[in-house]
Protein backbone atom coordinates (compact mmCIF):
# COMPACT_ATOMS: atom_id res chain seq x y z
CA MET A 1 7.77 37.49 15.31
CA ARG A 2 5.22 36.38 12.71
CA ARG A 3 4.01 32.84 12.90
CA PRO A 4 4.47 30.77 9.73
CA SER A 5 1.33 29.96 7.82
CA CYS A 6 0.29 28.31 4.59
CA ARG A 7 -1.26 30.13 1.67
CA ALA A 8 -4.70 29.90 3.19
CA SER A 9 -6.13 32.78 5.17
CA ALA A 10 -6.22 30.67 8.32
CA PRO A 11 -3.49 28.40 9.74
CA CYS A 12 -3.66 24.72 8.81
CA TRP A 13 -2.92 23.42 12.30
CA PRO A 14 -2.78 24.88 15.83
CA LEU A 15 0.60 25.68 17.37
CA CYS A 16 2.31 23.67 20.07
CA ALA A 17 4.03 25.32 23.02
CA ALA A 18 7.28 25.54 21.07
CA GLY A 19 5.65 27.51 18.28
CA HIS A 20 5.65 24.71 15.72
CA TRP A 21 2.65 23.53 13.79
CA THR A 22 1.34 20.38 15.40
CA LYS A 23 -1.54 17.99 15.00
CA PRO A 24 -3.52 17.27 18.19
CA PRO A 25 -5.36 13.96 18.63
CA ALA A 26 -8.50 13.69 16.50
CA SER A 27 -7.82 17.06 14.91
CA PRO A 28 -9.88 18.06 11.86
CA ALA A 29 -8.48 18.32 8.36
CA PRO A 30 -6.42 21.43 7.54
CA THR A 31 -8.62 24.43 6.86
CA CYS A 32 -6.85 25.02 3.56
CA GLY A 33 -7.70 21.53 2.31
CA ARG A 34 -4.10 20.48 1.76
CA ARG A 35 -0.97 19.62 3.72
CA CYS A 36 0.73 22.76 4.96
CA PRO A 37 4.35 22.98 3.70
CA VAL A 38 5.56 24.64 6.91
CA TRP A 39 3.96 22.12 9.25
CA LYS A 40 6.44 20.06 11.24
CA ARG A 41 6.47 17.98 14.35
CA CYS A 42 8.37 18.80 17.50
CA SER A 43 9.06 17.00 20.76
CA LEU A 44 5.85 18.37 22.22
CA ALA A 45 3.65 17.27 19.34
CA VAL A 46 1.52 14.15 19.54
CA ALA A 47 2.99 11.64 17.08
CA ASP A 48 0.84 9.44 14.90
CA PRO A 49 0.83 5.87 16.24
CA LEU A 50 3.20 3.29 14.81
CA LEU A 51 1.08 0.97 12.66
CA SER A 52 1.84 -2.68 11.89
CA GLY A 53 0.98 -4.36 8.59
CA LEU A 54 -0.45 -7.77 7.75
CA ALA A 55 1.19 -11.17 7.50
CA PRO A 56 2.19 -12.42 4.03
CA VAL A 57 -0.21 -14.60 2.07
CA VAL A 58 1.96 -17.20 0.32
CA ALA A 59 2.37 -20.92 -0.36
CA LEU A 60 5.33 -23.10 -1.28
CA ASP A 61 4.31 -22.95 -4.93
CA THR A 62 3.78 -19.17 -5.09
CA ARG A 63 4.95 -17.97 -8.52
CA LEU A 64 3.91 -14.32 -8.44
CA LEU A 65 4.34 -12.08 -5.39
CA VAL A 66 2.41 -8.80 -5.46
CA LEU A 67 3.79 -6.18 -3.08
CA GLY A 68 1.69 -3.23 -2.01
CA SER A 69 2.99 -0.35 0.09
CA PHE A 70 1.06 -0.58 3.37
CA PRO A 71 -2.56 -1.45 4.20
CA SER A 72 -5.08 1.37 4.12
CA VAL A 73 -7.06 2.42 7.18
CA ALA A 74 -9.96 0.27 5.96
CA SER A 75 -7.67 -2.71 5.38
CA LEU A 76 -6.14 -2.46 8.84
CA ALA A 77 -9.57 -2.16 10.45
CA ALA A 78 -10.79 -5.26 8.63
CA GLN A 79 -7.40 -7.03 8.82
CA GLN A 80 -7.76 -7.76 5.11
CA TYR A 81 -5.57 -6.96 2.14
CA TYR A 82 -7.11 -4.35 -0.14
CA GLY A 83 -10.10 -3.88 2.12
CA HIS A 84 -11.12 -0.46 0.80
CA ALA A 85 -14.40 -0.79 -1.08
CA ARG A 86 -13.08 1.18 -4.06
CA ASN A 87 -9.71 -0.55 -4.37
CA GLN A 88 -9.64 -2.49 -7.63
CA PHE A 89 -7.31 -5.31 -6.56
CA TRP A 90 -10.02 -7.92 -6.03
CA PRO A 91 -12.12 -6.82 -9.03
CA LEU A 92 -9.02 -7.10 -11.24
CA LEU A 93 -8.31 -10.62 -9.98
CA ALA A 94 -11.97 -11.51 -10.52
CA ALA A 95 -11.73 -10.34 -14.13
CA LEU A 96 -8.46 -12.18 -14.74
CA TRP A 97 -9.65 -15.50 -13.34
CA GLN A 98 -13.34 -15.11 -14.22
CA GLN A 99 -14.38 -15.75 -10.64
CA PRO A 100 -16.59 -13.54 -8.40
CA LEU A 101 -13.82 -13.12 -5.83
CA ALA A 102 -15.16 -9.85 -4.43
CA ASP A 103 -18.33 -11.69 -3.36
CA TRP A 104 -16.49 -14.47 -1.54
CA PRO A 105 -15.62 -14.51 2.17
CA TYR A 106 -12.10 -13.22 2.70
CA PRO A 107 -10.60 -16.56 3.89
CA LEU A 108 -11.94 -18.27 0.77
CA ARG A 109 -10.36 -15.57 -1.41
CA LEU A 110 -6.98 -16.18 0.23
CA ASP A 111 -7.27 -19.94 -0.25
CA PHE A 112 -8.06 -19.39 -3.92
CA VAL A 113 -5.20 -17.00 -4.70
CA ARG A 114 -2.72 -19.25 -2.90
CA ALA A 115 -3.94 -22.21 -4.94
CA GLN A 116 -3.45 -20.19 -8.13
CA GLY A 117 0.16 -19.35 -7.26
CA LEU A 118 -0.37 -15.74 -6.17
CA GLY A 119 1.25 -14.29 -3.07
CA ILE A 120 0.34 -11.00 -1.38
CA TRP A 121 2.41 -8.83 0.94
CA ASP A 122 3.50 -5.25 1.49
CA VAL A 123 6.83 -3.46 1.33
CA TYR A 124 6.46 -1.85 4.75
CA ALA A 125 6.14 -3.81 7.97
CA ARG A 126 5.48 -0.76 10.16
CA CYS A 127 5.07 2.96 9.64
CA ARG A 128 3.34 6.09 10.81
CA ARG A 129 0.64 7.45 8.54
CA PRO A 130 -2.31 9.75 9.26
CA GLY A 131 -4.96 8.45 6.88
CA SER A 132 -4.36 6.18 3.91
CA LEU A 133 -2.25 8.22 1.48
CA ASP A 134 1.18 6.81 0.62
CA ALA A 135 2.51 10.37 0.55
CA ASP A 136 1.90 10.61 4.32
CA ILE A 137 3.97 7.54 5.25
CA SER A 138 6.86 8.23 7.62
CA ASP A 139 9.20 6.24 9.88
CA ALA A 140 8.69 3.22 7.63
CA GLU A 141 10.36 -0.12 8.31
CA VAL A 142 10.78 -2.40 5.30
CA ASN A 143 9.66 -6.02 5.54
CA ASP A 144 12.19 -8.83 5.24
CA LEU A 145 11.56 -9.29 1.54
CA ALA A 146 14.71 -11.31 0.99
CA GLY A 147 13.76 -13.67 3.80
CA LEU A 148 10.33 -14.32 2.34
CA VAL A 149 11.58 -14.79 -1.23
CA ALA A 150 14.09 -17.35 0.04
CA THR A 151 11.15 -19.53 1.16
CA LEU A 152 9.46 -19.47 -2.27
CA PRO A 153 11.39 -21.86 -4.54
CA GLN A 154 8.96 -21.52 -7.48
CA LEU A 155 8.75 -17.72 -7.45
CA ARG A 156 9.08 -16.27 -10.96
CA LEU A 157 8.07 -12.64 -10.58
CA VAL A 158 7.76 -9.87 -8.00
CA ALA A 159 5.25 -7.16 -8.98
CA HIS A 160 5.08 -3.83 -7.17
CA ASN A 161 1.54 -2.51 -6.89
CA GLY A 162 2.02 1.23 -7.40
CA GLY A 163 4.73 3.83 -7.10
CA GLU A 164 5.33 3.79 -3.33
CA SER A 165 5.85 0.03 -3.39
CA ALA A 166 8.14 0.39 -6.41
CA ARG A 167 10.54 2.48 -4.33
CA ALA A 168 11.73 -0.87 -2.95
CA MET A 169 12.70 -2.16 -6.41
CA ARG A 170 16.34 -1.54 -5.52
CA ILE A 171 15.84 -4.30 -2.92
CA THR A 172 13.72 -6.73 -4.90
CA ALA A 173 15.87 -6.35 -8.03
CA ALA A 174 18.70 -8.03 -6.12
CA LEU A 175 16.66 -11.09 -5.10
CA GLY A 176 17.27 -13.18 -8.20
CA VAL A 177 13.79 -13.05 -9.72
CA ALA A 178 12.17 -10.81 -12.33
CA VAL A 179 10.71 -7.56 -10.99
CA LEU A 180 8.25 -5.08 -12.48
CA ARG A 181 5.99 -2.21 -11.50
CA LEU A 182 2.23 -2.43 -11.98
CA PRO A 183 -0.28 0.43 -12.00
CA SER A 184 -1.70 0.95 -8.55
CA THR A 185 -5.09 -0.56 -7.80
CA SER A 186 -5.76 2.25 -5.33
CA PRO A 187 -8.77 4.51 -5.94
CA ALA A 188 -6.27 7.38 -5.84
CA ASN A 189 -4.91 6.16 -9.20
CA ALA A 190 -7.82 7.56 -11.19
CA SER A 191 -5.75 8.40 -14.27
CA TRP A 192 -5.72 4.70 -15.28
CA SER A 193 -9.00 3.15 -16.41
CA PHE A 194 -9.95 -0.29 -15.14
CA GLU A 195 -9.42 -1.74 -18.61
CA ARG A 196 -5.92 -0.26 -18.86
CA LYS A 197 -4.99 -1.62 -15.43
CA LEU A 198 -6.43 -5.00 -16.36
CA ALA A 199 -4.25 -5.21 -19.48
CA ALA A 200 -1.09 -4.45 -17.49
CA TRP A 201 -1.94 -6.90 -14.74
CA ARG A 202 -2.82 -9.59 -17.28
CA LYS A 203 0.68 -9.38 -18.77
CA ALA A 204 2.23 -9.89 -15.34
CA PHE A 205 0.00 -12.87 -14.56
CA GLU A 206 0.81 -14.42 -17.92
CA GLN A 207 4.53 -13.86 -17.38
CA ALA A 208 4.33 -15.66 -14.04
CA GLY A 209 2.26 -18.52 -15.48
CA LEU A 210 -0.89 -17.78 -13.49
CA LEU A 211 -3.22 -17.67 -16.47
CA ARG A 212 -3.92 -20.68 -18.64
């Protein structure tokens, strides 16, 4: 019986004892350079670890809550929101508020955004994900978004940072506040220029009353 394979000349992943494609610990990237469509896990495969996200950054007077999907590998390692060096979240905020936020220590950045009325959290509390791509997220558990929103009496707007986060709009749309989707600040969203992202984010900040 022929073993399944991707379109590459060599298999993407080795086989487990059951004959399924599996990913051993610390395995290299697929030889074909892309995710193999026939790859699947089985009971003998080593599962990716269940990852836990970060605590929400909010204050009683938070007026705009930005929801990402789940922290990247770099963000989890640093225990900081948007910790990847090429993520444009902090540069966008710096441009909106005319402050060198990216140069500030992380705790000072959080104090500043809270004081300005901005809250930060993610849609997913826990998930499995090899790497940082949203497309690789599995076994995701959604955060208690309704519970958090209930503690924010001045909240005016929930903004989803990117498409994966926006999948939860069916939840946030029922929370009694305005909801919109923003272009992702991820470096993977290369089709949007910084200036185009800045214009979209500026509208959201103005709508929530965060810009004077």
